């Protein structure tokens, strides 16, 4: 055991200075470009028709919604390990008695009634006030023993065209209506079909005839494997940018962006909590800043002091 511990300690030290075999520059995008060049184009792709006016197949439409929602879950909040999204579930049953705080026409997506017996998976649920959360038990993620049970809210990003992220999430989960003008409307909690003239209801996730409770599924309804989900995510990035971003690389991109932009210690601590790590691990394992980037903040601070010493009587506006 002493020999093994010594080997492990040596390997850990070497890992800190390890140069990746793959050229990260061929995969890397700065965080703002991830949203601009990948996530937003994937959102705009979620349409029943092509730009030329031709209709798309139902599976192609469902494929677009799932791919965008998956990328949204990865980038609108600190990215978690892909295993968590790969194994994310939703309850397929509701309690017999409707909660009193849910409006008569309101959407309610509960946690499963047997949640205490199924704690090895994160579950997606919606609160009566309309917010979506991931219920992450300590058994369902790698660092759970350290950080315990987490309730992680999914941000409802608002878009300039009047839609929001929940429109897409609920469309993927429950389906959508084709409107007379050819557009789509979610049949989730943001839309009451009884008050609008709508066409036929089309499925989202159910289009793939999913097996079980998994939120994200392959086109044949089976759960994603580790390699298949990684390829699903990186192929979308490569098709749009030529860069093969992976779920793990997105974690590096997030950490590097906030560290390079002088985020406060409290923000870094919050980022680490959201990613399921300590600030120390985040800095040691996910910081991909170059030596120049790491040196820049202190160099700027020193130069500012030098200038003040050379011009002690000058005052700033």
Protein backbone atom coordinates (compact mmCIF):
# COMPACT_ATOMS: atom_id res chain seq x y z
CA UNK A 1 0.00 0.00 0.00
CA UNK A 2 2.89 2.37 0.73
CA UNK A 3 4.29 1.70 -2.74
CA UNK A 4 0.88 2.30 -4.35
CA UNK A 5 0.37 5.54 -2.43
CA UNK A 6 3.83 6.71 -3.48
CA UNK A 7 3.10 5.92 -7.13
CA UNK A 8 -0.24 7.69 -6.92
CA UNK A 9 1.35 10.77 -5.37
CA UNK A 10 4.01 10.85 -8.08
CA UNK A 11 1.43 10.43 -10.85
CA UNK A 12 -0.67 13.26 -9.38
CA UNK A 13 2.34 15.61 -9.36
CA UNK A 14 3.23 14.69 -12.95
CA UNK A 15 -0.36 15.19 -14.07
CA UNK A 16 -0.24 18.84 -13.04
CA UNK A 17 2.49 19.46 -15.63
CA UNK A 18 1.18 17.00 -18.20
CA UNK A 19 0.79 18.34 -21.73
CA UNK A 20 -2.32 16.90 -23.44
CA UNK A 21 -1.61 14.65 -26.40
CA UNK A 22 -4.51 16.15 -28.37
CA UNK A 23 -4.19 19.70 -29.67
CA UNK A 24 -6.69 21.55 -27.48
CA UNK A 25 -6.60 24.56 -29.82
CA UNK A 26 -8.43 22.43 -32.40
CA UNK A 27 -11.31 22.01 -29.93
CA UNK A 28 -11.25 25.20 -27.88
CA UNK A 29 -13.72 28.10 -28.09
CA UNK A 30 -13.95 30.99 -25.67
CA UNK A 31 -17.16 30.89 -23.68
CA UNK A 32 -19.00 33.79 -25.41
CA UNK A 33 -18.38 32.10 -28.78
CA UNK A 34 -19.84 28.85 -27.47
CA UNK A 35 -23.18 30.61 -26.98
CA UNK A 36 -22.91 32.67 -30.17
CA UNK A 37 -21.64 30.06 -32.62
CA UNK A 38 -23.15 26.85 -31.26
CA UNK A 39 -25.97 27.21 -28.74
CA UNK A 40 -27.91 30.02 -30.42
CA UNK A 41 -27.76 28.45 -33.93
CA UNK A 42 -29.02 25.18 -32.42
CA UNK A 43 -31.93 27.08 -30.87
CA UNK A 44 -32.83 28.72 -34.17
CA UNK A 45 -32.78 25.31 -35.84
CA UNK A 46 -35.78 24.19 -33.75
CA UNK A 47 -38.38 24.87 -36.43
CA UNK A 48 -40.96 22.65 -38.20
CA UNK A 49 -39.82 23.99 -41.58
CA UNK A 50 -36.53 24.61 -43.35
CA UNK A 51 -35.54 28.14 -44.38
CA UNK A 52 -36.74 27.36 -47.92
CA UNK A 53 -40.22 26.54 -46.59
CA UNK A 54 -40.05 22.78 -46.91
CA UNK A 55 -41.30 20.74 -43.99
CA UNK A 56 -38.97 18.70 -41.82
CA UNK A 57 -39.56 15.17 -40.63
CA UNK A 58 -40.96 14.76 -37.13
CA UNK A 59 -37.84 12.93 -36.00
CA UNK A 60 -35.61 15.68 -37.35
CA UNK A 61 -37.62 18.27 -35.42
CA UNK A 62 -37.44 16.23 -32.21
CA UNK A 63 -33.72 15.69 -32.78
CA UNK A 64 -33.18 19.47 -33.00
CA UNK A 65 -35.10 20.18 -29.82
CA UNK A 66 -33.25 17.52 -27.83
CA UNK A 67 -29.84 18.64 -29.08
CA UNK A 68 -30.52 22.27 -28.23
CA UNK A 69 -32.01 21.52 -24.79
CA UNK A 70 -29.00 19.35 -23.99
CA UNK A 71 -26.59 22.12 -24.98
CA UNK A 72 -28.66 24.64 -23.03
CA UNK A 73 -28.44 22.49 -19.90
CA UNK A 74 -24.67 22.28 -20.42
CA UNK A 75 -24.01 25.99 -20.96
CA UNK A 76 -26.73 28.16 -19.39
CA UNK A 77 -25.41 27.12 -15.99
CA UNK A 78 -22.07 25.62 -14.88
CA UNK A 79 -21.63 22.38 -16.82
CA UNK A 80 -21.87 19.18 -14.84
CA UNK A 81 -20.39 15.82 -15.79
CA UNK A 82 -22.13 14.34 -18.81
CA UNK A 83 -23.04 11.27 -16.74
CA UNK A 84 -25.52 13.38 -14.80
CA UNK A 85 -27.34 14.48 -17.96
CA UNK A 86 -27.02 11.05 -19.52
CA UNK A 87 -28.75 9.48 -16.51
CA UNK A 88 -31.15 12.36 -15.78
CA UNK A 89 -34.71 11.11 -15.29
CA UNK A 90 -38.23 12.49 -15.02
CA UNK A 91 -41.14 10.99 -13.13
CA UNK A 92 -43.72 9.24 -15.31
CA UNK A 93 -46.36 9.27 -12.58
CA UNK A 94 -48.17 11.93 -10.55
CA UNK A 95 -49.63 11.78 -7.06
CA UNK A 96 -53.34 10.97 -7.00
CA UNK A 97 -54.20 14.24 -5.30
CA UNK A 98 -53.17 17.40 -7.10
CA UNK A 99 -51.20 19.81 -4.87
CA UNK A 100 -53.35 22.72 -3.71
CA UNK A 101 -50.78 25.32 -4.79
CA UNK A 102 -50.88 24.23 -8.45
CA UNK A 103 -53.41 26.23 -10.52
CA UNK A 104 -56.19 24.20 -12.21
CA UNK A 105 -54.63 24.83 -15.64
CA UNK A 106 -51.03 24.76 -14.39
CA UNK A 107 -48.29 22.33 -15.29
CA UNK A 108 -46.93 20.11 -12.55
CA UNK A 109 -43.96 17.79 -12.99
CA UNK A 110 -43.28 16.14 -9.60
CA UNK A 111 -40.48 14.08 -8.22
CA UNK A 112 -41.28 10.35 -8.21
CA UNK A 113 -43.24 9.09 -5.25
CA UNK A 114 -40.53 6.48 -4.62
CA UNK A 115 -37.69 8.97 -4.69
CA UNK A 116 -36.15 7.63 -1.49
CA UNK A 117 -35.82 4.23 -3.16
CA UNK A 118 -34.28 5.60 -6.36
CA UNK A 119 -31.47 7.90 -5.29
CA UNK A 120 -28.81 6.87 -7.77
CA UNK A 121 -30.12 9.22 -10.48
CA UNK A 122 -30.75 12.94 -10.72
CA UNK A 123 -34.40 13.85 -11.42
CA UNK A 124 -35.91 16.74 -13.31
CA UNK A 125 -38.93 18.40 -11.71
CA UNK A 126 -41.02 21.57 -11.93
CA UNK A 127 -42.21 23.53 -8.93
CA UNK A 128 -45.79 24.87 -8.68
CA UNK A 129 -44.46 28.41 -9.30
CA UNK A 130 -43.08 27.33 -12.69
CA UNK A 131 -39.36 26.82 -12.09
CA UNK A 132 -37.45 23.77 -13.27
CA UNK A 133 -34.86 22.06 -11.05
CA UNK A 134 -32.54 19.10 -11.07
CA UNK A 135 -32.78 17.11 -7.85
CA UNK A 136 -29.25 15.76 -7.42
CA UNK A 137 -28.80 13.32 -4.55
CA UNK A 138 -25.39 12.60 -3.07
CA UNK A 139 -25.58 9.07 -4.51
CA UNK A 140 -26.09 10.36 -8.06
CA UNK A 141 -22.82 12.20 -8.68
CA UNK A 142 -19.13 11.59 -8.13
CA UNK A 143 -18.45 14.18 -5.43
CA UNK A 144 -21.77 13.71 -3.65
CA UNK A 145 -20.16 12.61 -0.40
CA UNK A 146 -18.49 16.03 -0.23
CA UNK A 147 -21.28 18.34 -1.39
CA UNK A 148 -24.37 16.33 -0.51
CA UNK A 149 -27.87 16.78 -1.89
CA UNK A 150 -28.16 19.62 -4.41
CA UNK A 151 -31.22 21.31 -5.91
CA UNK A 152 -29.94 23.05 -9.03
CA UNK A 153 -32.28 25.48 -10.74
CA UNK A 154 -32.30 25.50 -14.55
CA UNK A 155 -32.14 29.15 -15.70
CA UNK A 156 -35.04 30.30 -17.85
CA UNK A 157 -33.08 32.33 -20.40
CA UNK A 158 -35.20 34.95 -22.19
CA UNK A 159 -34.61 35.44 -25.93
CA UNK A 160 -35.15 38.55 -28.09
CA UNK A 161 -37.87 36.83 -30.14
CA UNK A 162 -40.10 36.45 -27.06
CA UNK A 163 -39.38 32.78 -26.39
CA UNK A 164 -37.63 31.42 -23.32
CA UNK A 165 -35.58 28.32 -22.58
CA UNK A 166 -38.49 26.68 -20.76
CA UNK A 167 -40.50 26.80 -24.02
CA UNK A 168 -37.92 24.52 -25.60
CA UNK A 169 -37.47 22.30 -22.55
CA UNK A 170 -41.22 21.74 -22.18
CA UNK A 171 -41.62 21.21 -25.92
CA UNK A 172 -38.99 18.49 -25.79
CA UNK A 173 -40.65 16.86 -22.78
CA UNK A 174 -44.32 17.19 -23.75
CA UNK A 175 -44.63 18.14 -27.42
CA UNK A 176 -45.77 21.16 -29.42
CA UNK A 177 -48.63 22.56 -31.48
CA UNK A 178 -48.22 23.61 -35.08
CA UNK A 179 -49.83 27.00 -35.50
CA UNK A 180 -51.75 28.08 -38.64
CA UNK A 181 -48.82 30.26 -39.72
CA UNK A 182 -46.43 27.30 -39.63
CA UNK A 183 -44.75 28.22 -36.34
CA UNK A 184 -44.81 26.11 -33.18
CA UNK A 185 -46.03 26.63 -29.63
CA UNK A 186 -45.10 24.62 -26.59
CA UNK A 187 -47.87 22.63 -24.97
CA UNK A 188 -46.17 23.04 -21.61
CA UNK A 189 -47.10 25.41 -18.82
CA UNK A 190 -46.46 28.58 -20.86
CA UNK A 191 -49.32 27.99 -23.29
CA UNK A 192 -53.03 27.24 -22.89
CA UNK A 193 -54.30 25.64 -26.12
CA UNK A 194 -57.91 26.25 -25.08
CA UNK A 195 -57.41 29.98 -25.58
CA UNK A 196 -55.77 29.78 -29.00
CA UNK A 197 -56.58 28.31 -32.37
CA UNK A 198 -54.08 25.51 -32.77
CA UNK A 199 -53.44 22.57 -35.00
CA UNK A 200 -52.48 19.05 -34.14
CA UNK A 201 -50.35 18.19 -31.14
CA UNK A 202 -47.00 16.72 -32.15
CA UNK A 203 -44.67 14.81 -29.82
CA UNK A 204 -41.22 15.88 -28.71
CA UNK A 205 -39.40 13.27 -26.65
CA UNK A 206 -42.19 10.72 -27.27
CA UNK A 207 -41.35 10.80 -30.97
CA UNK A 208 -38.45 8.47 -30.15
CA UNK A 209 -40.65 6.07 -28.15
CA UNK A 210 -38.32 6.31 -25.13
CA UNK A 211 -37.55 3.37 -22.90
CA UNK A 212 -38.04 4.29 -19.26
CA UNK A 213 -37.74 7.63 -17.53
CA UNK A 214 -34.58 9.05 -19.09
CA UNK A 215 -34.94 12.69 -20.20
CA UNK A 216 -32.46 12.39 -23.07
CA UNK A 217 -32.60 9.35 -25.35
CA UNK A 218 -31.18 8.13 -28.63
CA UNK A 219 -33.27 8.18 -31.81
CA UNK A 220 -34.37 4.59 -31.11
CA UNK A 221 -35.54 5.45 -27.58
CA UNK A 222 -32.69 3.77 -25.70
CA UNK A 223 -30.54 5.61 -23.16
CA UNK A 224 -27.30 7.23 -24.25
CA UNK A 225 -24.04 5.46 -23.52
CA UNK A 226 -21.04 7.53 -22.45
CA UNK A 227 -19.42 7.56 -25.88
CA UNK A 228 -22.65 8.13 -27.80
CA UNK A 229 -23.61 11.20 -25.76
CA UNK A 230 -20.12 12.68 -26.03
CA UNK A 231 -20.26 12.21 -29.82
CA UNK A 232 -23.79 13.63 -29.96
CA UNK A 233 -22.59 16.81 -28.26
CA UNK A 234 -19.24 17.19 -30.04
CA UNK A 235 -20.70 16.47 -33.50
CA UNK A 236 -23.06 19.42 -33.12
CA UNK A 237 -20.16 21.73 -32.27
CA UNK A 238 -18.03 20.39 -35.12
CA UNK A 239 -20.79 20.82 -37.70
CA UNK A 240 -21.19 24.50 -36.78
CA UNK A 241 -17.63 25.56 -35.97
CA UNK A 242 -15.18 22.85 -36.97
CA UNK A 243 -14.23 22.54 -33.28
CA UNK A 244 -14.97 19.28 -31.46
CA UNK A 245 -16.01 20.54 -28.05
CA UNK A 246 -16.64 17.79 -25.54
CA UNK A 247 -18.66 17.96 -22.30
CA UNK A 248 -15.45 17.80 -20.26
CA UNK A 249 -13.84 20.56 -22.34
CA UNK A 250 -16.84 22.79 -21.63
CA UNK A 251 -15.97 22.53 -17.94
CA UNK A 252 -12.44 23.72 -18.73
CA UNK A 253 -13.85 26.57 -20.83
CA UNK A 254 -16.12 27.76 -18.03
CA UNK A 255 -13.39 27.65 -15.37
CA UNK A 256 -10.81 29.32 -17.60
CA UNK A 257 -13.18 32.11 -18.65
CA UNK A 258 -14.10 33.16 -15.14
CA UNK A 259 -10.57 32.81 -13.78
CA UNK A 260 -9.21 34.87 -16.67
CA UNK A 261 -11.81 37.60 -16.14
CA UNK A 262 -10.92 38.20 -12.50
CA UNK A 263 -14.04 36.63 -11.01
CA UNK A 264 -14.31 37.12 -7.26
CA UNK A 265 -13.49 34.33 -4.82
CA UNK A 266 -17.20 33.99 -4.02
CA UNK A 267 -18.05 33.64 -7.73
CA UNK A 268 -15.33 31.00 -8.18
CA UNK A 269 -16.62 29.17 -5.10
CA UNK A 270 -20.15 29.26 -6.54
CA UNK A 271 -18.90 28.07 -9.93
CA UNK A 272 -17.07 25.20 -8.26
CA UNK A 273 -20.18 24.23 -6.29
CA UNK A 274 -22.25 24.30 -9.48
CA UNK A 275 -19.72 22.06 -11.23
CA UNK A 276 -19.53 19.73 -8.23
CA UNK A 277 -15.96 20.56 -7.25
CA UNK A 278 -14.01 22.53 -4.67
CA UNK A 279 -12.38 25.84 -5.72
CA UNK A 280 -8.99 24.19 -5.21
CA UNK A 281 -9.79 21.35 -7.64
CA UNK A 282 -11.29 23.81 -10.12
CA UNK A 283 -8.09 25.86 -10.16
CA UNK A 284 -5.81 22.81 -10.25
CA UNK A 285 -7.64 20.68 -12.83
CA UNK A 286 -9.77 22.95 -15.02
CA UNK A 287 -7.70 26.14 -15.40
CA UNK A 288 -6.39 26.16 -18.98
CA UNK A 289 -5.01 29.70 -18.95
CA UNK A 290 -1.65 30.20 -20.63
CA UNK A 291 1.33 31.54 -18.61
CA UNK A 292 0.76 34.94 -20.25
CA UNK A 293 -2.88 34.98 -19.13
CA UNK A 294 -1.94 34.00 -15.58
CA UNK A 295 0.73 36.70 -15.40
CA UNK A 296 -1.34 39.51 -16.94
CA UNK A 297 -3.43 40.57 -13.88
CA UNK A 298 -0.47 41.10 -11.58
CA UNK A 299 1.54 42.78 -14.35
CA UNK A 300 -1.27 45.27 -14.93
CA UNK A 301 -1.53 45.91 -11.19
CA UNK A 302 2.24 46.52 -10.92
CA UNK A 303 2.22 48.87 -13.90
CA UNK A 304 -0.62 50.84 -12.37
CA UNK A 305 1.42 51.30 -9.18
CA UNK A 306 4.50 52.30 -11.22
CA UNK A 307 2.52 54.98 -13.03
CA UNK A 308 1.17 56.32 -9.75
CA UNK A 309 4.68 56.53 -8.34
CA UNK A 310 5.89 58.47 -11.39
CA UNK A 311 2.96 60.86 -11.27
CA UNK A 312 2.10 61.20 -7.56
CA UNK A 313 0.32 64.51 -7.97
CA UNK A 314 -1.93 63.44 -10.82
CA UNK A 315 -5.60 62.82 -10.05
CA UNK A 316 -8.03 60.74 -12.00
CA UNK A 317 -11.34 62.14 -13.21
